[in-house]
Amino acid sequence: MRRVKILVSGRVQGVYFRLFTQNKAKHFSINGHTRNLPDGRVEIVAEADNITIEKFIKWCHKGPATARVDHVEITELQADEELTSFEIR
C-alpha cells in the first residue's frame, strides 16, 4: 500500500472539489480524507496500491469541471494508522 498527501491549488474551494474527490476515491476504492486549508488549497490524504494512487493523482491534476487546478504537490507518507474509508473533513 502507498499513502500520499496531495495538495491541490487553484480554484479548488467553493466548487465541490472535496465532494468530487470523495466520489472519485470511492470509485477507485481509496481510503483517506480531504479537507480545505485556510490558504485556499485542498489537502488530500490517499491510500491504495501504487497503480490506483497514480490514476487518482492524474485525476487530481484535472479535478472536476467546476475547478481550475494550477498546481499539485505530492508528498509520500508513512502509514501510522489504518485508514478504512474516505471522508470529507
N, C-alpha and C. Protein backbone atom coordinates (compact mmCIF):
# COMPACT_ATOMS: atom_id res chain seq x y z
N MET A 1 0.83 -1.19 0.00
CA MET A 1 0.00 0.00 0.00
C MET A 1 0.87 1.25 0.00
N ARG A 2 0.37 2.25 -0.65
CA ARG A 2 1.07 3.54 -0.74
C ARG A 2 0.15 4.62 -0.18
N ARG A 3 0.71 5.50 0.64
CA ARG A 3 -0.04 6.62 1.19
C ARG A 3 0.64 7.91 0.78
N VAL A 4 -0.16 8.85 0.27
CA VAL A 4 0.37 10.14 -0.16
C VAL A 4 -0.49 11.28 0.37
N LYS A 5 0.15 12.43 0.53
CA LYS A 5 -0.57 13.67 0.78
C LYS A 5 -0.52 14.46 -0.52
N ILE A 6 -1.68 14.91 -0.97
CA ILE A 6 -1.79 15.67 -2.22
C ILE A 6 -2.31 17.06 -1.87
N LEU A 7 -1.57 18.08 -2.24
CA LEU A 7 -2.01 19.45 -2.05
C LEU A 7 -2.36 20.03 -3.41
N VAL A 8 -3.59 20.48 -3.56
CA VAL A 8 -4.08 20.98 -4.84
C VAL A 8 -4.38 22.47 -4.69
N SER A 9 -3.81 23.27 -5.58
CA SER A 9 -4.07 24.71 -5.54
C SER A 9 -4.68 25.17 -6.85
N GLY A 10 -5.33 26.31 -6.78
CA GLY A 10 -6.05 26.88 -7.92
C GLY A 10 -7.42 27.30 -7.43
N ARG A 11 -8.41 27.23 -8.30
CA ARG A 11 -9.79 27.48 -7.87
C ARG A 11 -10.37 26.13 -7.46
N VAL A 12 -10.11 25.76 -6.20
CA VAL A 12 -10.47 24.42 -5.73
C VAL A 12 -11.37 24.45 -4.49
N GLN A 13 -11.67 25.63 -3.98
CA GLN A 13 -12.62 25.73 -2.87
C GLN A 13 -13.87 26.42 -3.38
N GLY A 14 -15.02 25.96 -2.88
CA GLY A 14 -16.29 26.53 -3.30
C GLY A 14 -16.78 25.99 -4.63
N VAL A 15 -16.15 24.92 -5.13
CA VAL A 15 -16.52 24.32 -6.42
C VAL A 15 -16.78 22.82 -6.28
N TYR A 16 -17.05 22.37 -5.05
CA TYR A 16 -17.35 20.96 -4.76
C TYR A 16 -16.17 20.04 -5.02
N PHE A 17 -14.97 20.56 -4.95
CA PHE A 17 -13.78 19.75 -5.19
C PHE A 17 -13.71 18.58 -4.21
N ARG A 18 -13.97 18.84 -2.93
CA ARG A 18 -13.88 17.76 -1.93
C ARG A 18 -14.90 16.67 -2.18
N LEU A 19 -16.12 17.04 -2.55
CA LEU A 19 -17.16 16.04 -2.82
C LEU A 19 -16.79 15.20 -4.03
N PHE A 20 -16.34 15.84 -5.11
CA PHE A 20 -15.90 15.08 -6.29
C PHE A 20 -14.71 14.19 -5.95
N THR A 21 -13.81 14.69 -5.10
CA THR A 21 -12.65 13.89 -4.67
C THR A 21 -13.11 12.66 -3.92
N GLN A 22 -14.05 12.83 -3.00
CA GLN A 22 -14.57 11.69 -2.25
C GLN A 22 -15.23 10.67 -3.19
N ASN A 23 -16.01 11.15 -4.13
CA ASN A 23 -16.66 10.23 -5.08
C ASN A 23 -15.64 9.47 -5.91
N LYS A 24 -14.60 10.17 -6.37
CA LYS A 24 -13.55 9.53 -7.18
C LYS A 24 -12.78 8.52 -6.32
N ALA A 25 -12.50 8.88 -5.08
CA ALA A 25 -11.79 7.96 -4.17
C ALA A 25 -12.61 6.70 -3.93
N LYS A 26 -13.90 6.86 -3.73
CA LYS A 26 -14.75 5.68 -3.53
C LYS A 26 -14.79 4.83 -4.80
N HIS A 27 -14.82 5.46 -5.97
CA HIS A 27 -14.80 4.74 -7.24
C HIS A 27 -13.53 3.89 -7.37
N PHE A 28 -12.39 4.45 -6.93
CA PHE A 28 -11.11 3.75 -7.00
C PHE A 28 -10.83 2.87 -5.78
N SER A 29 -11.73 2.83 -4.79
CA SER A 29 -11.52 2.10 -3.53
C SER A 29 -10.30 2.62 -2.78
N ILE A 30 -10.20 3.94 -2.69
CA ILE A 30 -9.11 4.61 -1.98
C ILE A 30 -9.60 5.02 -0.60
N ASN A 31 -8.78 4.81 0.41
CA ASN A 31 -9.09 5.27 1.76
C ASN A 31 -8.31 6.54 2.05
N GLY A 32 -8.86 7.37 2.95
CA GLY A 32 -8.18 8.60 3.33
C GLY A 32 -9.16 9.69 3.68
N HIS A 33 -8.78 10.93 3.38
CA HIS A 33 -9.66 12.06 3.67
C HIS A 33 -9.24 13.27 2.85
N THR A 34 -10.12 14.26 2.82
CA THR A 34 -9.83 15.52 2.14
C THR A 34 -10.38 16.67 2.99
N ARG A 35 -9.73 17.83 2.90
CA ARG A 35 -10.19 18.99 3.64
C ARG A 35 -9.69 20.26 2.98
N ASN A 36 -10.42 21.36 3.21
CA ASN A 36 -9.98 22.67 2.77
C ASN A 36 -8.93 23.19 3.73
N LEU A 37 -7.93 23.87 3.21
CA LEU A 37 -6.91 24.52 4.04
C LEU A 37 -7.18 26.03 4.06
N PRO A 38 -6.77 26.70 5.13
CA PRO A 38 -7.02 28.15 5.23
C PRO A 38 -6.39 28.96 4.10
N ASP A 39 -5.34 28.45 3.46
CA ASP A 39 -4.66 29.20 2.40
C ASP A 39 -5.31 29.02 1.02
N GLY A 40 -6.47 28.32 0.97
CA GLY A 40 -7.20 28.16 -0.28
C GLY A 40 -6.94 26.86 -1.02
N ARG A 41 -5.99 26.07 -0.53
CA ARG A 41 -5.71 24.78 -1.17
C ARG A 41 -6.63 23.71 -0.59
N VAL A 42 -6.66 22.57 -1.28
CA VAL A 42 -7.33 21.38 -0.78
C VAL A 42 -6.25 20.35 -0.48
N GLU A 43 -6.35 19.74 0.69
CA GLU A 43 -5.42 18.67 1.10
C GLU A 43 -6.15 17.34 0.98
N ILE A 44 -5.45 16.37 0.41
CA ILE A 44 -5.99 15.02 0.27
C ILE A 44 -4.96 14.04 0.81
N VAL A 45 -5.39 13.14 1.66
CA VAL A 45 -4.55 12.01 2.08
C VAL A 45 -5.21 10.78 1.47
N ALA A 46 -4.44 10.04 0.69
CA ALA A 46 -4.99 8.89 -0.04
C ALA A 46 -4.10 7.67 0.14
N GLU A 47 -4.74 6.51 0.31
CA GLU A 47 -4.01 5.26 0.48
C GLU A 47 -4.64 4.17 -0.39
N ALA A 48 -3.81 3.54 -1.20
CA ALA A 48 -4.24 2.43 -2.06
C ALA A 48 -2.97 1.82 -2.67
N ASP A 49 -3.16 0.87 -3.58
CA ASP A 49 -1.99 0.32 -4.26
C ASP A 49 -1.41 1.38 -5.20
N ASN A 50 -0.18 1.19 -5.61
CA ASN A 50 0.54 2.20 -6.38
C ASN A 50 -0.16 2.58 -7.70
N ILE A 51 -0.66 1.61 -8.44
CA ILE A 51 -1.32 1.88 -9.71
C ILE A 51 -2.56 2.74 -9.50
N THR A 52 -3.34 2.42 -8.48
CA THR A 52 -4.55 3.19 -8.18
C THR A 52 -4.21 4.60 -7.75
N ILE A 53 -3.19 4.75 -6.91
CA ILE A 53 -2.77 6.09 -6.48
C ILE A 53 -2.34 6.92 -7.68
N GLU A 54 -1.62 6.34 -8.61
CA GLU A 54 -1.18 7.08 -9.79
C GLU A 54 -2.37 7.55 -10.63
N LYS A 55 -3.38 6.71 -10.78
CA LYS A 55 -4.60 7.11 -11.51
C LYS A 55 -5.30 8.26 -10.79
N PHE A 56 -5.36 8.17 -9.48
CA PHE A 56 -6.02 9.20 -8.67
C PHE A 56 -5.25 10.53 -8.76
N ILE A 57 -3.93 10.47 -8.69
CA ILE A 57 -3.12 11.68 -8.82
C ILE A 57 -3.35 12.32 -10.19
N LYS A 58 -3.43 11.50 -11.21
CA LYS A 58 -3.71 12.04 -12.56
C LYS A 58 -5.04 12.78 -12.57
N TRP A 59 -6.06 12.21 -11.93
CA TRP A 59 -7.35 12.88 -11.84
C TRP A 59 -7.22 14.21 -11.07
N CYS A 60 -6.44 14.22 -10.00
CA CYS A 60 -6.27 15.43 -9.19
C CYS A 60 -5.67 16.59 -9.99
N HIS A 61 -4.90 16.29 -11.00
CA HIS A 61 -4.33 17.34 -11.86
C HIS A 61 -5.40 18.03 -12.70
N LYS A 62 -6.54 17.37 -12.90
CA LYS A 62 -7.66 17.96 -13.66
C LYS A 62 -8.76 18.40 -12.71
N GLY A 63 -9.14 17.53 -11.78
CA GLY A 63 -10.24 17.81 -10.87
C GLY A 63 -11.57 17.84 -11.60
N PRO A 64 -12.63 18.27 -10.90
CA PRO A 64 -13.93 18.36 -11.54
C PRO A 64 -13.99 19.53 -12.52
N ALA A 65 -14.98 19.52 -13.38
CA ALA A 65 -15.11 20.57 -14.40
C ALA A 65 -15.29 21.96 -13.79
N THR A 66 -15.81 22.03 -12.57
CA THR A 66 -16.05 23.32 -11.91
C THR A 66 -14.77 23.95 -11.35
N ALA A 67 -13.68 23.19 -11.29
CA ALA A 67 -12.43 23.64 -10.67
C ALA A 67 -11.42 24.06 -11.73
N ARG A 68 -10.40 24.77 -11.25
CA ARG A 68 -9.23 25.07 -12.08
C ARG A 68 -8.01 24.70 -11.23
N VAL A 69 -7.32 23.65 -11.63
CA VAL A 69 -6.15 23.18 -10.89
C VAL A 69 -4.91 23.85 -11.47
N ASP A 70 -4.20 24.60 -10.63
CA ASP A 70 -2.97 25.27 -11.05
C ASP A 70 -1.71 24.48 -10.68
N HIS A 71 -1.77 23.78 -9.54
CA HIS A 71 -0.57 23.09 -9.06
C HIS A 71 -0.98 21.92 -8.18
N VAL A 72 -0.25 20.82 -8.28
CA VAL A 72 -0.46 19.65 -7.43
C VAL A 72 0.88 19.26 -6.84
N GLU A 73 0.93 19.15 -5.53
CA GLU A 73 2.16 18.76 -4.81
C GLU A 73 1.91 17.42 -4.13
N ILE A 74 2.82 16.48 -4.33
CA ILE A 74 2.69 15.13 -3.78
C ILE A 74 3.78 14.89 -2.75
N THR A 75 3.38 14.40 -1.58
CA THR A 75 4.33 14.02 -0.54
C THR A 75 4.03 12.58 -0.13
N GLU A 76 5.05 11.74 -0.10
CA GLU A 76 4.89 10.36 0.36
C GLU A 76 4.76 10.37 1.89
N LEU A 77 3.84 9.56 2.41
CA LEU A 77 3.62 9.47 3.86
C LEU A 77 3.84 8.04 4.34
N GLN A 78 4.19 7.94 5.60
CA GLN A 78 4.26 6.64 6.26
C GLN A 78 2.90 6.37 6.89
N ALA A 79 2.44 5.14 6.82
CA ALA A 79 1.16 4.76 7.43
C ALA A 79 1.34 4.65 8.94
N ASP A 80 0.63 5.51 9.69
CA ASP A 80 0.72 5.44 11.14
C ASP A 80 -0.54 4.87 11.77
N GLU A 81 -1.64 4.88 11.03
CA GLU A 81 -2.88 4.26 11.48
C GLU A 81 -3.59 3.72 10.25
N GLU A 82 -4.44 2.75 10.46
CA GLU A 82 -5.17 2.17 9.33
C GLU A 82 -6.29 3.09 8.89
N LEU A 83 -6.37 3.33 7.60
CA LEU A 83 -7.46 4.12 7.03
C LEU A 83 -8.50 3.14 6.50
N THR A 84 -9.76 3.34 6.86
CA THR A 84 -10.78 2.35 6.49
C THR A 84 -11.89 2.93 5.62
N SER A 85 -11.85 4.22 5.34
CA SER A 85 -12.87 4.84 4.49
C SER A 85 -12.28 6.12 3.91
N PHE A 86 -13.07 6.86 3.15
CA PHE A 86 -12.63 8.15 2.64
C PHE A 86 -13.65 9.19 3.08
N GLU A 87 -13.21 10.18 3.83
CA GLU A 87 -14.13 11.16 4.39
C GLU A 87 -13.74 12.59 4.05
N ILE A 88 -14.73 13.45 4.10
CA ILE A 88 -14.52 14.89 3.97
C ILE A 88 -14.43 15.44 5.38
N ARG A 89 -13.38 16.20 5.63
CA ARG A 89 -13.20 16.79 6.96
C ARG A 89 -13.43 18.27 6.91
